[in-house]
Amino acid sequence: MPDKMLESIGITLDGTPVALRPLLPEDEPALQDLFAHMSREDVRLRFFTPMRELKHALAARLSHLDYSREMALVAQHDVMTLGVARYSGDPDRRSAEFAVAVRSDWHRRGVGQLLVVRLIEVARQSGISELVGLVLHENKPMLNMCRKLGFSIAPEPNDATVLRVRKSLAPV
């Protein structure tokens, strides 16, 4: 189980306090609710394919983590799950792939950035040396956030519709 020390509070751009904490297996219904509050376009931008619902099997897989190489953080306001950011480390734990999803009605409030900033901190503390993500070309909000947070952005050699974002987590 994840350390309680990973819990923190962030403040959105509009001043709303948001609890950030590790995702737990019992959060599976909250993940499904988060998904239900994402537009079809937001789902496609996150998963690279249209999906109508987050089926139990995928929700279970996403909520049951091997904390020795994976981490997922949820952002919550009151009892509402606003978003989730996760990384999954390579076997050597040098590099980890990351992703983030935010409820559509909470976009442009800084929830995604709060999650990714905290995920970077947690990954760095865990010994991960770089975060890498794949982002569709048309996902301008995600690309803008990555630029703001110091990620490099380059074409993905195997797919012209995708960009690779990368951030070194060398100690600062």
Protein backbone atom coordinates (compact mmCIF):
# COMPACT_ATOMS: atom_id res chain seq x y z
CA MET A 1 0.00 0.00 0.00
CA PRO A 2 1.18 3.54 -0.67
CA ASP A 3 2.58 5.78 2.03
CA LYS A 4 0.15 8.28 3.62
CA MET A 5 2.95 10.84 3.24
CA LEU A 6 2.08 11.01 -0.46
CA GLU A 7 -1.18 12.80 0.37
CA SER A 8 -1.25 16.56 -0.18
CA ILE A 9 -3.57 19.49 -0.87
CA GLY A 10 -3.45 21.58 -4.02
CA ILE A 11 -5.30 24.73 -4.98
CA THR A 12 -6.90 25.04 -8.43
CA LEU A 13 -6.69 28.19 -10.54
CA ASP A 14 -10.08 29.30 -9.19
CA GLY A 15 -9.02 28.76 -5.55
CA THR A 16 -10.73 25.42 -4.96
CA PRO A 17 -8.83 23.15 -2.53
CA VAL A 18 -8.20 19.70 -3.98
CA ALA A 19 -6.99 16.63 -2.10
CA LEU A 20 -4.28 14.68 -3.92
CA ARG A 21 -3.70 11.12 -2.79
CA PRO A 22 -2.66 7.72 -4.10
CA LEU A 23 -5.28 5.71 -5.94
CA LEU A 24 -6.45 2.66 -3.98
CA PRO A 25 -8.17 -0.53 -5.15
CA GLU A 26 -11.43 0.62 -3.56
CA ASP A 27 -11.38 3.65 -5.90
CA GLU A 28 -12.56 1.52 -8.84
CA PRO A 29 -16.12 2.98 -8.71
CA ALA A 30 -14.65 6.50 -8.53
CA LEU A 31 -12.64 5.78 -11.70
CA GLN A 32 -15.79 4.65 -13.45
CA ASP A 33 -17.57 7.81 -12.29
CA LEU A 34 -14.67 9.96 -13.51
CA PHE A 35 -14.88 8.25 -16.90
CA ALA A 36 -18.66 8.81 -16.99
CA HIS A 37 -18.01 12.54 -16.57
CA MET A 38 -15.55 12.74 -19.47
CA SER A 39 -16.78 13.72 -22.92
CA ARG A 40 -16.31 11.20 -25.73
CA GLU A 41 -13.64 13.47 -27.20
CA ASP A 42 -11.77 13.67 -23.88
CA VAL A 43 -11.89 9.87 -23.60
CA ARG A 44 -10.52 9.53 -27.13
CA LEU A 45 -7.72 12.00 -26.40
CA ARG A 46 -6.75 10.07 -23.25
CA PHE A 47 -7.12 6.46 -24.48
CA PHE A 48 -6.48 7.10 -28.22
CA THR A 49 -9.69 5.27 -29.07
CA PRO A 50 -13.39 5.92 -28.54
CA MET A 51 -14.92 4.09 -25.58
CA ARG A 52 -18.46 4.40 -24.27
CA GLU A 53 -17.78 3.13 -20.77
CA LEU A 54 -14.95 2.07 -18.51
CA LYS A 55 -15.69 -1.62 -18.16
CA HIS A 56 -15.09 -3.37 -14.86
CA ALA A 57 -12.05 -5.33 -16.11
CA LEU A 58 -10.20 -2.18 -17.21
CA ALA A 59 -11.29 -0.20 -14.14
CA ALA A 60 -10.04 -3.03 -11.91
CA ARG A 61 -6.71 -3.16 -13.74
CA LEU A 62 -6.29 0.62 -13.48
CA SER A 63 -7.13 0.69 -9.76
CA HIS A 64 -5.04 -2.30 -8.63
CA LEU A 65 -1.45 -1.13 -8.81
CA ASP A 66 1.92 -2.71 -8.24
CA TYR A 67 3.17 0.19 -6.12
CA SER A 68 6.77 -0.99 -6.48
CA ARG A 69 6.73 0.21 -10.12
CA GLU A 70 3.45 2.11 -10.58
CA MET A 71 1.71 5.04 -8.99
CA ALA A 72 -1.58 6.76 -9.61
CA LEU A 73 -2.76 9.89 -7.87
CA VAL A 74 -6.35 11.07 -7.67
CA ALA A 75 -7.56 14.62 -7.23
CA GLN A 76 -10.73 14.97 -5.17
CA HIS A 77 -12.96 17.82 -4.08
CA ASP A 78 -15.40 16.80 -1.37
CA VAL A 79 -16.33 13.27 -2.51
CA MET A 80 -15.98 13.99 -6.23
CA THR A 81 -13.01 12.52 -8.11
CA LEU A 82 -11.82 15.24 -10.48
CA GLY A 83 -8.92 13.50 -12.16
CA VAL A 84 -6.19 10.91 -12.05
CA ALA A 85 -2.55 10.89 -13.14
CA ARG A 86 -0.44 7.77 -13.25
CA TYR A 87 2.93 6.41 -14.18
CA SER A 88 4.09 2.90 -14.89
CA GLY A 89 7.82 2.29 -14.62
CA ASP A 90 9.93 0.17 -16.90
CA PRO A 91 11.43 -2.93 -15.24
CA ASP A 92 14.72 -1.06 -14.67
CA ARG A 93 12.73 1.81 -13.06
CA ARG A 94 14.72 4.42 -14.99
CA SER A 95 11.86 5.53 -17.21
CA ALA A 96 8.11 5.58 -16.66
CA GLU A 97 5.20 6.22 -18.98
CA PHE A 98 2.62 8.65 -17.63
CA ALA A 99 -0.92 9.73 -18.44
CA VAL A 100 -3.54 12.04 -16.97
CA ALA A 101 -7.33 12.35 -17.21
CA VAL A 102 -9.61 15.06 -15.80
CA ARG A 103 -13.41 15.31 -15.69
CA SER A 104 -14.57 17.40 -18.63
CA ASP A 105 -16.46 19.83 -16.39
CA TRP A 106 -13.23 20.54 -14.45
CA HIS A 107 -11.01 21.32 -17.45
CA ARG A 108 -9.04 24.59 -17.53
CA ARG A 109 -8.94 24.87 -13.73
CA GLY A 110 -5.44 23.48 -13.26
CA VAL A 111 -6.43 20.04 -11.93
CA GLY A 112 -4.33 18.21 -14.53
CA GLN A 113 -1.32 20.38 -13.79
CA LEU A 114 -1.69 19.84 -10.01
CA LEU A 115 -1.77 16.09 -10.62
CA VAL A 116 1.21 16.01 -12.99
CA VAL A 117 3.36 18.28 -10.79
CA ARG A 118 2.69 15.99 -7.81
CA LEU A 119 3.25 12.88 -9.95
CA ILE A 120 6.65 14.28 -11.01
CA GLU A 121 7.58 14.78 -7.33
CA VAL A 122 6.50 11.24 -6.40
CA ALA A 123 8.27 9.69 -9.40
CA ARG A 124 11.48 11.59 -8.58
CA GLN A 125 11.31 10.43 -4.94
CA SER A 126 10.82 6.86 -6.18
CA GLY A 127 14.01 6.97 -8.26
CA ILE A 128 12.40 7.34 -11.69
CA SER A 129 14.80 9.34 -13.88
CA GLU A 130 12.39 10.34 -16.66
CA LEU A 131 8.69 10.51 -17.45
CA VAL A 132 7.54 9.85 -21.00
CA GLY A 133 4.07 10.19 -22.47
CA LEU A 134 2.34 9.84 -25.80
CA VAL A 135 -0.04 12.66 -26.76
CA LEU A 136 -2.22 13.01 -29.83
CA HIS A 137 -1.26 16.02 -32.00
CA GLU A 138 -4.68 17.60 -31.52
CA ASN A 139 -4.55 17.43 -27.71
CA LYS A 140 -3.42 21.05 -27.43
CA PRO A 141 -4.28 21.51 -23.72
CA MET A 142 -2.10 18.52 -22.75
CA LEU A 143 0.74 19.67 -25.01
CA ASN A 144 0.54 23.20 -23.58
CA MET A 145 0.65 21.87 -20.02
CA CYS A 146 3.63 19.66 -20.85
CA ARG A 147 5.50 22.63 -22.38
CA LYS A 148 4.73 24.72 -19.29
CA LEU A 149 6.11 21.96 -17.04
CA GLY A 150 9.34 21.63 -19.03
CA PHE A 151 8.66 18.50 -21.06
CA SER A 152 10.39 18.19 -24.42
CA ILE A 153 8.06 17.37 -27.30
CA ALA A 154 9.08 15.37 -30.36
CA PRO A 155 7.38 13.40 -33.14
CA GLU A 156 6.72 9.73 -32.43
CA PRO A 157 8.67 7.86 -35.15
CA ASN A 158 6.11 5.07 -35.55
CA ASP A 159 2.93 7.20 -35.62
CA ALA A 160 2.48 10.57 -37.32
CA THR A 161 -0.63 11.35 -35.23
CA VAL A 162 1.27 11.14 -31.92
CA LEU A 163 3.89 13.24 -30.17
CA ARG A 164 6.24 11.96 -27.47
CA VAL A 165 6.64 14.18 -24.41
CA ARG A 166 9.62 13.59 -22.14
CA LYS A 167 10.87 15.12 -18.89
CA SER A 168 14.12 14.36 -17.15
CA LEU A 169 13.65 13.97 -13.40
CA ALA A 170 17.28 14.53 -12.49
CA PRO A 171 17.49 16.09 -9.02
CA VAL A 172 17.08 19.86 -9.07
